[in-house]
Amino acid sequence: MREHIVAFDQGTTSSRTLLINRQGEVVDVAQRPIEQHFPHPGWVEHDPQEILATQLSTFTDILVRNGLSPHDIDSIGITNQRETTVVWDRHTGEPVCNAIVWQCRRTAPIIEELCGDPEVRERITATTGLVPDAYFSASKVKWILDNVPGARERAEAGDLLFGTIDCWLVWCLTNGAVHATDLTNASRTMLFDIHSCAWDPWLLDLFGVPASMLPEVRPSSGSYGATAHPGIAGNIPICGVAGDQQAALFGQCCFAAGEAKNTYGTGCFLLMNTGEKAVRSRNGLVTTIAASAPGSQRVEYALEGSVFMAGALIQWLKDELGIIESASDVEALATSVSDTAGVYVVPAFTGLGAPYWDADARGAIYGLTRGAGRAHIARACLDALAYQVNDLIDGMVADAGIPIKTLAVDGGASRNGYLMQFQAGLSQLEILRPANTETTAMGAAYLSGLATGFWGSVDEIRAMREVDARFAGAMTPAEREAYLKGWHDCIKRTRTS
């Protein structure tokens, strides 16, 4: 019996392979960085061949270190950076250019040109659940076809394929046998109707994307072929695929409507399962498809909100201000004072995300007095993370009409006890931090293992989950009201409109 499952976690800055046993424990992790390419200001690219090579090499590292062969692996689950766009030749497998990364802003003028009409914007949001933005894949595909010499002609002749990173990896791993993506990644392209679960002809026409380029869309848990690439022998089934944030939602066992998770990473990503209902947000959030267990006859949805600056704000304290020597120092510094002395930090370094969506806003520090020092600023930065997440929580509850009673957390800043306690008090809910914080990779592994029978049910998976720490609200209503009033006053002063 094969006793291990593998998760490929292909992220923005690195490719990772995790080896996971039947008890849901991470046995080993291998990681390789990937180079970030910035050919022009605001442009961000990755080399798709490097992504593949680093993913294959980390898999080899795992096998060698643990004395395993491909025949010892039950299956592979894949989770990936979302929206990042690859276009390649269906005959040779060669990308026509570097991948355009989700962070890249080069296609903002395309969105302004095509989506300036309020009726067009409304139709896009009603169809895809997304706010028209260069963040998503649609304008990236159009840019490639319009700017890479010969690309549009080759695409219209049926010679080019499009995919997000999961799709690119599946195609390569199966040696071109499978061109498929999953529902969660398809829902982030801004070309997919999340209600009918099909590529939308009107959107394809709007962005000039030939239908022949598009992958088949499959459930997140199910067959994606088997490995046949020369660099990964063994005919290993690929049975789970999900975009990173939806994978984390599944990995946190948020299987029911009203269950939510927040990832405190470089940014923050808050997702709440809304069940079979695709909730239309009136509070600046997006509607997306959630990953589901195999055998489900229904599509499940989630509301999602993004905060641009979370861990990146702590990095700023270290790299630009020199207030701390390492990110792990921030909690001790912040708790060396009893409060922020009235200091608020609004980290709108790249604008304000949900629920405000003010791209022109810029960061600010308010309430500085002669007595304010580095510890007060550090504490105010941690508080800013909690304030931003609380804004998302309030918006989600208002949109869905479902109260959030507990919040599952992961990501680097979730290790900060002060931040978790402040978040619990501010948001008036219980925070659960799992013992295994590799929730994104675990989500991909669970989806694959459920499809093969490696694990029998979501109930079995939920039973394996161990909680490392619980944080409950310890803030009076008056304290909470005062904190939030100060924060929203600062937001109002920061916004440009």
Protein backbone atom coordinates (compact mmCIF):
# COMPACT_ATOMS: atom_id res chain seq x y z
CA MET A 1 0.00 0.00 0.00
CA ARG A 2 1.32 3.42 -0.94
CA GLU A 3 1.74 5.37 2.30
CA HIS A 4 2.49 8.85 1.01
CA ILE A 5 0.91 11.55 -1.09
CA VAL A 6 2.73 14.49 -2.68
CA ALA A 7 1.64 18.12 -2.93
CA PHE A 8 3.17 20.47 -5.47
CA ASP A 9 2.92 24.03 -4.09
CA GLN A 10 3.94 26.37 -6.90
CA GLY A 11 4.02 29.89 -5.48
CA THR A 12 5.02 33.36 -6.58
CA THR A 13 8.55 33.21 -5.19
CA SER A 14 9.29 29.48 -5.01
CA SER A 15 8.32 25.96 -6.02
CA ARG A 16 7.83 23.45 -3.21
CA THR A 17 7.12 19.74 -2.90
CA LEU A 18 5.67 18.32 0.31
CA LEU A 19 5.56 14.66 1.33
CA ILE A 20 2.49 13.84 3.43
CA ASN A 21 1.54 10.63 5.23
CA ARG A 22 -1.84 9.04 5.96
CA GLN A 23 -2.04 10.84 9.31
CA GLY A 24 -2.00 14.17 7.49
CA GLU A 25 1.51 14.96 8.71
CA VAL A 26 4.12 16.74 6.61
CA VAL A 27 7.05 14.33 6.50
CA ASP A 28 9.39 16.48 4.39
CA VAL A 29 9.49 19.69 2.36
CA ALA A 30 11.79 20.63 -0.52
CA GLN A 31 11.90 24.17 -1.89
CA ARG A 32 13.61 26.06 -4.71
CA PRO A 33 13.32 29.81 -5.40
CA ILE A 34 12.20 31.10 -8.79
CA GLU A 35 13.61 34.24 -10.35
CA GLN A 36 11.45 37.35 -10.52
CA HIS A 37 11.76 39.28 -13.79
CA PHE A 38 10.94 43.00 -13.90
CA PRO A 39 11.57 44.06 -17.54
CA HIS A 40 9.78 47.41 -17.07
CA PRO A 41 8.35 49.32 -14.08
CA GLY A 42 5.14 47.62 -12.97
CA TRP A 43 5.83 44.48 -15.03
CA VAL A 44 6.37 41.10 -13.32
CA GLU A 45 7.28 37.90 -15.18
CA HIS A 46 8.31 34.30 -14.50
CA ASP A 47 10.01 31.80 -16.80
CA PRO A 48 7.54 28.90 -17.21
CA GLN A 49 10.36 26.45 -17.95
CA GLU A 50 12.07 27.44 -14.70
CA ILE A 51 8.81 26.88 -12.84
CA LEU A 52 8.59 23.36 -14.29
CA ALA A 53 12.28 22.62 -13.64
CA THR A 54 12.16 23.74 -10.01
CA GLN A 55 8.97 21.77 -9.40
CA LEU A 56 10.53 18.62 -10.85
CA SER A 57 13.80 19.08 -8.95
CA THR A 58 12.06 19.53 -5.59
CA PHE A 59 10.09 16.33 -6.26
CA THR A 60 13.34 14.49 -6.98
CA ASP A 61 14.86 15.91 -3.79
CA ILE A 62 11.93 14.54 -1.77
CA LEU A 63 12.23 11.05 -3.27
CA VAL A 64 16.00 10.85 -2.82
CA ARG A 65 16.02 12.19 0.75
CA ASN A 66 13.32 9.74 1.84
CA GLY A 67 14.48 6.69 -0.09
CA LEU A 68 11.29 6.53 -2.14
CA SER A 69 10.50 5.77 -5.75
CA PRO A 70 7.61 7.21 -7.79
CA HIS A 71 5.84 3.87 -7.30
CA ASP A 72 5.63 4.64 -3.55
CA ILE A 73 3.51 7.76 -4.13
CA ASP A 74 -0.28 7.43 -4.11
CA SER A 75 -0.96 10.58 -6.14
CA ILE A 76 -0.06 14.22 -6.67
CA GLY A 77 -2.09 17.29 -5.73
CA ILE A 78 -1.22 20.66 -7.26
CA THR A 79 -1.82 24.12 -5.83
CA ASN A 80 -0.60 27.26 -7.53
CA GLN A 81 -0.25 31.02 -7.66
CA ARG A 82 -3.48 32.12 -9.31
CA GLU A 83 -4.13 34.34 -12.37
CA THR A 84 -0.53 34.07 -13.64
CA THR A 85 -0.82 33.43 -17.38
CA VAL A 86 1.13 31.14 -19.72
CA VAL A 87 0.68 30.78 -23.49
CA TRP A 88 2.55 27.97 -25.24
CA ASP A 89 2.78 26.04 -28.51
CA ARG A 90 0.60 22.92 -28.43
CA HIS A 91 3.04 21.05 -30.72
CA THR A 92 6.43 21.91 -29.20
CA GLY A 93 5.47 22.85 -25.64
CA GLU A 94 7.51 26.05 -25.92
CA PRO A 95 6.05 29.14 -24.19
CA VAL A 96 5.74 32.08 -26.58
CA CYS A 97 7.04 34.44 -23.85
CA ASN A 98 7.52 34.58 -20.11
CA ALA A 99 4.48 34.07 -17.90
CA ILE A 100 2.73 37.31 -16.93
CA VAL A 101 2.43 37.20 -13.13
CA TRP A 102 -0.73 38.10 -11.23
CA GLN A 103 1.04 41.15 -9.74
CA CYS A 104 1.86 42.62 -13.18
CA ARG A 105 0.08 45.90 -14.01
CA ARG A 106 1.03 46.25 -17.69
CA THR A 107 -2.51 45.39 -18.83
CA ALA A 108 -4.29 48.09 -16.79
CA PRO A 109 -4.81 50.22 -19.95
CA ILE A 110 -6.56 47.25 -21.60
CA ILE A 111 -9.02 47.06 -18.71
CA GLU A 112 -9.61 50.82 -18.90
CA GLU A 113 -10.26 50.60 -22.64
CA LEU A 114 -12.49 47.52 -22.68
CA CYS A 115 -14.23 47.85 -19.32
CA GLY A 116 -14.82 51.58 -19.01
CA ASP A 117 -18.52 51.28 -19.82
CA PRO A 118 -20.51 50.69 -16.59
CA GLU A 119 -22.74 48.19 -18.40
CA VAL A 120 -19.71 46.17 -19.48
CA ARG A 121 -18.29 46.21 -15.94
CA GLU A 122 -21.63 45.11 -14.52
CA ARG A 123 -21.92 42.23 -16.99
CA ILE A 124 -18.39 41.04 -16.20
CA THR A 125 -19.04 41.08 -12.47
CA ALA A 126 -22.43 39.39 -12.83
CA THR A 127 -20.88 36.63 -14.97
CA THR A 128 -17.52 36.06 -13.30
CA GLY A 129 -18.01 37.33 -9.74
CA LEU A 130 -14.91 39.49 -10.22
CA VAL A 131 -14.23 43.22 -10.30
CA PRO A 132 -12.70 44.03 -13.73
CA ASP A 133 -8.98 44.40 -13.12
CA ALA A 134 -5.58 43.67 -14.66
CA TYR A 135 -5.04 41.27 -11.74
CA PHE A 136 -7.00 38.53 -13.53
CA SER A 137 -5.91 36.49 -16.57
CA ALA A 138 -8.15 37.81 -19.37
CA SER A 139 -6.25 41.00 -20.19
CA LYS A 140 -2.92 39.16 -19.82
CA VAL A 141 -3.86 36.69 -22.57
CA LYS A 142 -4.96 39.55 -24.81
CA TRP A 143 -1.68 41.40 -24.22
CA ILE A 144 0.36 38.33 -25.21
CA LEU A 145 -1.66 37.75 -28.38
CA ASP A 146 -1.43 41.43 -29.36
CA ASN A 147 2.24 42.01 -28.50
CA VAL A 148 4.20 38.81 -29.15
CA PRO A 149 5.00 38.73 -32.90
CA GLY A 150 2.85 36.17 -34.70
CA ALA A 151 1.06 35.04 -31.55
CA ARG A 152 -2.46 36.03 -32.60
CA GLU A 153 -2.13 34.37 -35.98
CA ARG A 154 -0.81 31.17 -34.39
CA ALA A 155 -3.61 31.23 -31.79
CA GLU A 156 -6.31 31.68 -34.41
CA ALA A 157 -4.79 28.78 -36.37
CA GLY A 158 -5.23 26.59 -33.27
CA ASP A 159 -1.51 26.25 -32.54
CA LEU A 160 -1.36 27.95 -29.12
CA LEU A 161 -2.70 26.96 -25.70
CA PHE A 162 -3.48 29.12 -22.67
CA GLY A 163 -3.40 28.13 -19.04
CA THR A 164 -2.76 29.26 -15.51
CA ILE A 165 0.23 27.69 -13.72
CA ASP A 166 -1.68 24.57 -12.63
CA CYS A 167 -2.72 23.95 -16.25
CA TRP A 168 0.85 24.45 -17.50
CA LEU A 169 2.19 21.96 -14.95
CA VAL A 170 -0.50 19.35 -15.70
CA TRP A 171 0.17 19.65 -19.45
CA CYS A 172 3.92 19.26 -18.94
CA LEU A 173 3.70 16.48 -16.35
CA THR A 174 1.38 14.43 -18.56
CA ASN A 175 3.65 15.11 -21.55
CA GLY A 176 0.93 17.02 -23.34
CA ALA A 177 -1.80 14.41 -22.82
CA VAL A 178 -4.02 16.60 -20.61
CA HIS A 179 -4.86 20.27 -21.16
CA ALA A 180 -7.12 20.97 -18.19
CA THR A 181 -7.61 23.33 -15.29
CA ASP A 182 -9.94 23.16 -12.30
CA LEU A 183 -13.00 25.19 -11.41
CA THR A 184 -11.19 27.37 -8.85
CA ASN A 185 -8.47 28.50 -11.25
CA ALA A 186 -10.92 28.94 -14.13
CA SER A 187 -12.96 31.25 -11.89
CA ARG A 188 -9.95 33.59 -11.59
CA THR A 189 -9.42 34.15 -15.32
CA MET A 190 -12.30 36.63 -15.84
CA LEU A 191 -13.28 34.52 -18.86
CA PHE A 192 -15.42 31.96 -17.00
CA ASP A 193 -19.11 32.00 -16.12
CA ILE A 194 -19.16 30.84 -12.50
CA HIS A 195 -22.91 30.13 -12.64
CA SER A 196 -23.04 27.88 -15.72
CA CYS A 197 -19.44 26.70 -15.11
CA ALA A 198 -18.41 27.25 -18.73
CA TRP A 199 -16.15 29.57 -20.69
CA ASP A 200 -18.20 32.62 -21.65
CA PRO A 201 -18.37 33.39 -25.41
CA TRP A 202 -19.08 37.10 -24.86
CA LEU A 203 -16.00 37.48 -22.65
CA LEU A 204 -13.83 35.52 -25.09
CA ASP A 205 -14.95 37.88 -27.83
CA LEU A 206 -14.41 40.97 -25.65
CA PHE A 207 -10.80 40.01 -24.90
CA GLY A 208 -10.10 38.42 -28.28
CA VAL A 209 -9.26 34.95 -26.94
CA PRO A 210 -9.84 32.05 -29.39
CA ALA A 211 -11.79 29.20 -27.75
CA SER A 212 -9.28 26.68 -29.15
CA MET A 213 -6.70 27.96 -26.64
CA LEU A 214 -8.78 27.13 -23.59
CA PRO A 215 -8.30 24.16 -21.27
CA GLU A 216 -11.03 21.73 -20.27
CA VAL A 217 -12.42 22.63 -16.84
CA ARG A 218 -12.63 19.78 -14.31
CA PRO A 219 -13.59 19.43 -10.64
CA SER A 220 -10.81 20.19 -8.16
CA SER A 221 -10.81 16.59 -6.92
CA GLY A 222 -10.60 14.04 -9.73
CA SER A 223 -8.40 12.71 -12.51
CA TYR A 224 -5.92 14.96 -14.34
CA GLY A 225 -4.07 12.10 -15.98
CA ALA A 226 -0.79 10.62 -14.80
CA THR A 227 2.85 11.65 -14.95
CA ALA A 228 4.58 10.85 -18.23
CA HIS A 229 7.28 13.56 -18.33
CA PRO A 230 10.85 12.23 -18.83
CA GLY A 231 11.86 13.95 -15.59
CA ILE A 232 9.18 12.27 -13.45
CA ALA A 233 8.66 8.61 -14.20
CA GLY A 234 6.29 6.27 -12.42
CA ASN A 235 2.89 7.01 -13.97
CA ILE A 236 1.72 8.77 -10.76
CA PRO A 237 -1.95 9.86 -10.85
CA ILE A 238 -2.58 13.61 -10.61
CA CYS A 239 -5.90 13.85 -8.77
CA GLY A 240 -6.17 17.26 -7.10
CA VAL A 241 -5.85 20.82 -8.41
CA ALA A 242 -6.83 24.11 -6.76
CA GLY A 243 -5.69 27.72 -6.71
CA ASP A 244 -3.71 28.55 -3.59
CA GLN A 245 -6.37 30.41 -1.62
CA GLN A 246 -9.13 27.92 -2.36
CA ALA A 247 -6.71 25.12 -1.50
CA ALA A 248 -6.03 26.80 1.85
CA LEU A 249 -9.79 27.10 2.50
CA PHE A 250 -10.12 23.35 1.91
CA GLY A 251 -6.95 22.63 3.88
CA GLN A 252 -8.41 24.51 6.84
CA CYS A 253 -11.44 22.17 6.69
CA CYS A 254 -13.85 25.02 5.87
CA PHE A 255 -16.28 22.63 4.21
CA ALA A 256 -19.55 24.25 5.29
CA ALA A 257 -21.23 27.60 4.61
CA GLY A 258 -20.07 30.26 7.08
CA GLU A 259 -16.68 28.67 7.73
CA ALA A 260 -13.83 31.05 6.96
CA LYS A 261 -10.04 31.26 6.87
CA ASN A 262 -7.55 34.07 6.65
CA THR A 263 -4.02 33.72 5.35
CA TYR A 264 -1.62 36.27 6.82
CA GLY A 265 1.02 36.17 4.09
CA THR A 266 2.65 38.94 2.07
CA GLY A 267 -0.94 40.14 1.77
CA CYS A 268 -4.04 38.81 3.49
CA PHE A 269 -6.60 36.60 1.79
CA LEU A 270 -9.87 36.06 3.62
CA LEU A 271 -12.25 33.47 2.17
CA MET A 272 -15.63 32.33 3.47
CA ASN A 273 -17.46 29.29 2.18
CA THR A 274 -20.99 30.32 1.14
CA GLY A 275 -22.16 26.84 0.11
CA GLU A 276 -24.19 26.43 -3.06
CA LYS A 277 -25.00 30.13 -3.21
CA ALA A 278 -22.85 32.46 -5.29
CA VAL A 279 -23.24 35.57 -3.14
CA ARG A 280 -22.95 38.87 -5.00
CA SER A 281 -20.90 41.28 -2.92
CA ARG A 282 -22.05 44.84 -2.27
CA ASN A 283 -18.98 45.54 -0.15
CA GLY A 284 -16.06 45.37 -2.55
CA LEU A 285 -15.41 41.63 -2.27
CA VAL A 286 -15.28 39.11 -5.12
CA THR A 287 -17.27 35.92 -5.61
CA THR A 288 -15.29 32.84 -6.54
CA ILE A 289 -15.66 29.06 -6.79
CA ALA A 290 -14.50 26.98 -3.82
CA ALA A 291 -12.87 23.56 -4.04
CA SER A 292 -15.21 20.64 -3.33
CA ALA A 293 -14.75 17.02 -2.29
CA PRO A 294 -15.19 14.37 -5.01
CA GLY A 295 -18.67 13.05 -5.67
CA SER A 296 -20.31 16.37 -4.89
CA GLN A 297 -23.10 17.07 -7.34
CA ARG A 298 -23.06 20.77 -6.59
CA VAL A 299 -20.62 23.61 -7.11
CA GLU A 300 -19.64 25.46 -3.95
CA TYR A 301 -18.76 29.14 -3.79
CA ALA A 302 -16.82 31.52 -1.59
CA LEU A 303 -16.54 35.23 -0.94
CA GLU A 304 -12.98 36.54 -1.05
CA GLY A 305 -11.36 39.73 0.11
CA SER A 306 -7.73 40.76 -0.33
CA VAL A 307 -5.48 43.00 1.72
CA PHE A 308 -2.40 44.14 -0.21
CA MET A 309 -0.03 44.80 2.70
CA ALA A 310 0.23 42.31 5.56
CA GLY A 311 3.56 40.53 6.05
CA ALA A 312 4.95 43.02 3.55
CA LEU A 313 4.26 45.76 6.11
CA ILE A 314 6.42 43.97 8.69
CA GLN A 315 9.11 43.55 6.04
CA TRP A 316 8.94 47.32 5.50
CA LEU A 317 9.63 47.88 9.21
CA LYS A 318 12.74 45.75 8.82
CA ASP A 319 14.10 46.72 5.41
CA GLU A 320 13.13 50.38 4.99
CA LEU A 321 12.81 51.73 8.54
CA GLY A 322 15.33 49.46 10.27
CA ILE A 323 13.04 49.28 13.33
CA ILE A 324 13.51 45.49 13.66
CA GLU A 325 16.30 43.12 12.63
CA SER A 326 13.98 40.26 11.67
CA ALA A 327 10.24 39.80 11.27
CA SER A 328 10.15 37.63 14.39
CA ASP A 329 11.28 40.62 16.49
CA VAL A 330 8.12 42.64 15.90
CA GLU A 331 5.94 41.02 18.58
CA ALA A 332 8.41 41.65 21.42
CA LEU A 333 8.88 45.26 20.31
CA ALA A 334 5.13 45.86 19.93
CA THR A 335 4.31 44.44 23.36
CA SER A 336 7.04 46.45 25.07
CA VAL A 337 4.48 49.29 25.19
CA SER A 338 0.92 49.10 26.49
CA ASP A 339 -0.73 50.80 23.50
CA THR A 340 0.06 52.68 20.29
CA ALA A 341 -0.04 56.11 21.97
CA GLY A 342 -2.72 57.07 19.44
CA VAL A 343 -0.64 56.10 16.40
CA TYR A 344 -2.40 54.53 13.40
CA VAL A 345 -0.70 53.17 10.28
CA VAL A 346 -2.70 52.93 7.04
CA PRO A 347 -0.53 50.72 4.79
CA ALA A 348 -1.87 51.87 1.42
CA PHE A 349 1.57 51.53 -0.20
CA THR A 350 0.03 50.21 -3.43
CA GLY A 351 -3.44 51.60 -2.85
CA LEU A 352 -6.28 50.31 -0.72
CA GLY A 353 -7.80 46.92 -1.56
CA ALA A 354 -11.16 45.54 -0.48
CA PRO A 355 -13.55 46.93 0.54
CA TYR A 356 -12.32 50.41 -0.54
CA TRP A 357 -10.60 49.76 -3.90
CA ASP A 358 -8.74 53.06 -4.06
CA ALA A 359 -5.71 52.47 -6.29
CA ASP A 360 -4.44 56.04 -5.85
CA ALA A 361 -4.41 56.08 -2.03
CA ARG A 362 -0.97 56.00 -0.42
CA GLY A 363 0.31 54.93 2.96
CA ALA A 364 0.24 57.23 5.96
CA ILE A 365 1.03 57.34 9.67
CA TYR A 366 -1.41 59.34 11.81
CA GLY A 367 -1.39 60.50 15.40
CA LEU A 368 2.35 61.04 15.82
CA THR A 369 3.37 62.96 18.93
CA ARG A 370 6.75 63.68 20.48
CA GLY A 371 6.33 60.65 22.73
CA ALA A 372 5.67 58.19 19.89
CA GLY A 373 8.55 55.83 19.21
CA ARG A 374 9.51 52.76 17.23
CA ALA A 375 7.59 50.40 19.53
CA HIS A 376 4.35 52.36 19.05
CA ILE A 377 4.79 52.32 15.26
CA ALA A 378 5.50 48.56 15.31
CA ARG A 379 2.38 47.94 17.40
CA ALA A 380 0.31 50.16 15.09
CA CYS A 381 1.52 48.13 12.10
CA LEU A 382 0.30 44.89 13.68
CA ASP A 383 -2.99 46.56 14.57
CA ALA A 384 -3.32 47.70 10.93
CA LEU A 385 -3.32 44.07 9.80
CA ALA A 386 -6.19 43.31 12.17
CA TYR A 387 -8.15 46.41 11.15
CA GLN A 388 -7.91 45.51 7.46
CA VAL A 389 -9.03 41.93 8.08
CA ASN A 390 -11.89 43.17 10.25
CA ASP A 391 -13.11 45.38 7.39
CA LEU A 392 -13.26 42.25 5.21
CA ILE A 393 -15.08 40.24 7.88
CA ASP A 394 -17.71 42.95 8.31
CA GLY A 395 -18.23 43.09 4.54
CA MET A 396 -18.57 39.32 4.24
CA VAL A 397 -21.09 39.02 7.04
CA ALA A 398 -23.16 41.83 5.53
CA ASP A 399 -23.03 40.26 2.05
CA ALA A 400 -23.73 36.66 2.99
CA GLY A 401 -26.03 37.17 5.95
CA ILE A 402 -24.08 34.40 7.68
CA PRO A 403 -22.24 35.15 10.94
CA ILE A 404 -18.60 34.09 11.22
CA LYS A 405 -18.12 32.51 14.63
CA THR A 406 -14.62 31.14 14.20
CA LEU A 407 -11.77 32.13 11.91
CA ALA A 408 -9.10 29.62 10.90
CA VAL A 409 -5.73 31.29 10.34
CA ASP A 410 -2.46 30.46 8.65
CA GLY A 411 0.52 32.25 7.13
CA GLY A 412 3.63 33.66 8.76
CA ALA A 413 2.00 36.44 10.81
CA SER A 414 -0.47 33.96 12.34
CA ARG A 415 2.42 32.94 14.63
CA ASN A 416 2.23 36.38 16.25
CA GLY A 417 0.26 35.90 19.47
CA TYR A 418 -0.36 39.61 20.04
CA LEU A 419 -1.83 40.04 16.55
CA MET A 420 -4.09 37.00 16.91
CA GLN A 421 -5.38 38.17 20.28
CA PHE A 422 -6.03 41.70 19.01
CA GLN A 423 -7.81 40.28 15.94
CA ALA A 424 -10.02 38.06 18.11
CA GLY A 425 -11.02 40.98 20.31
CA LEU A 426 -11.52 43.44 17.48
CA SER A 427 -13.58 41.03 15.36
CA GLN A 428 -15.40 39.43 18.30
CA LEU A 429 -14.79 35.86 17.22
CA GLU A 430 -12.70 32.84 18.12
CA ILE A 431 -9.48 32.35 16.15
CA LEU A 432 -8.15 28.84 15.56
CA ARG A 433 -4.54 28.33 14.56
CA PRO A 434 -3.84 24.76 13.38
CA ALA A 435 -0.80 22.79 14.46
CA ASN A 436 -0.03 22.17 10.78
CA THR A 437 0.09 25.57 9.10
CA GLU A 438 0.90 24.13 5.63
CA THR A 439 -2.77 24.51 4.82
CA THR A 440 -2.39 25.39 1.14
CA ALA A 441 -0.40 22.27 0.32
CA MET A 442 -2.61 20.17 2.61
CA GLY A 443 -5.68 21.34 0.68
CA ALA A 444 -4.16 20.08 -2.59
CA ALA A 445 -3.16 16.81 -0.93
CA TYR A 446 -6.62 16.30 0.58
CA LEU A 447 -8.31 16.89 -2.78
CA SER A 448 -6.04 14.33 -4.45
CA GLY A 449 -6.21 11.80 -1.62
CA LEU A 450 -10.00 11.93 -1.45
CA ALA A 451 -10.19 11.21 -5.18
CA THR A 452 -8.00 8.09 -4.88
CA GLY A 453 -9.41 6.81 -1.58
CA PHE A 454 -6.15 7.55 0.28
CA TRP A 455 -8.51 9.25 2.74
CA GLY A 456 -12.10 8.08 3.01
CA SER A 457 -14.05 11.27 3.66
CA VAL A 458 -13.92 14.91 4.70
CA ASP A 459 -14.97 13.76 8.17
CA GLU A 460 -11.79 11.68 8.38
CA ILE A 461 -9.76 14.70 7.32
CA ARG A 462 -11.48 16.99 9.82
CA ALA A 463 -10.75 14.47 12.60
CA MET A 464 -7.01 14.64 11.81
CA ARG A 465 -6.90 18.40 12.22
CA GLU A 466 -5.17 19.56 15.39
CA VAL A 467 -5.48 23.06 16.83
CA ASP A 468 -2.26 24.62 18.08
CA ALA A 469 -3.85 27.67 19.76
CA ARG A 470 -7.22 29.33 20.32
CA PHE A 471 -7.70 33.07 20.76
CA ALA A 472 -10.95 34.51 22.11
CA GLY A 473 -12.13 38.10 22.17
CA ALA A 474 -11.06 40.08 25.26
CA MET A 475 -12.11 43.60 24.35
CA THR A 476 -15.01 45.62 25.74
CA PRO A 477 -17.57 47.06 23.31
CA ALA A 478 -16.41 50.59 24.22
CA GLU A 479 -12.75 49.72 23.52
CA ARG A 480 -13.66 48.11 20.22
CA GLU A 481 -15.76 51.08 19.15
CA ALA A 482 -12.94 53.51 19.99
CA TYR A 483 -10.34 51.49 18.07
CA LEU A 484 -12.54 51.21 14.98
CA LYS A 485 -13.58 54.86 15.05
CA GLY A 486 -9.92 55.90 15.01
CA TRP A 487 -9.14 53.48 12.18
CA HIS A 488 -12.05 54.54 9.98
CA ASP A 489 -11.27 58.22 10.57
CA CYS A 490 -7.75 57.54 9.26
CA ILE A 491 -9.07 55.59 6.28
CA LYS A 492 -11.35 58.50 5.44
CA ARG A 493 -8.40 60.91 5.49
CA THR A 494 -6.30 58.56 3.33
CA ARG A 495 -8.81 57.89 0.57
CA THR A 496 -8.65 59.96 -2.60
CA SER A 497 -12.36 59.74 -3.37
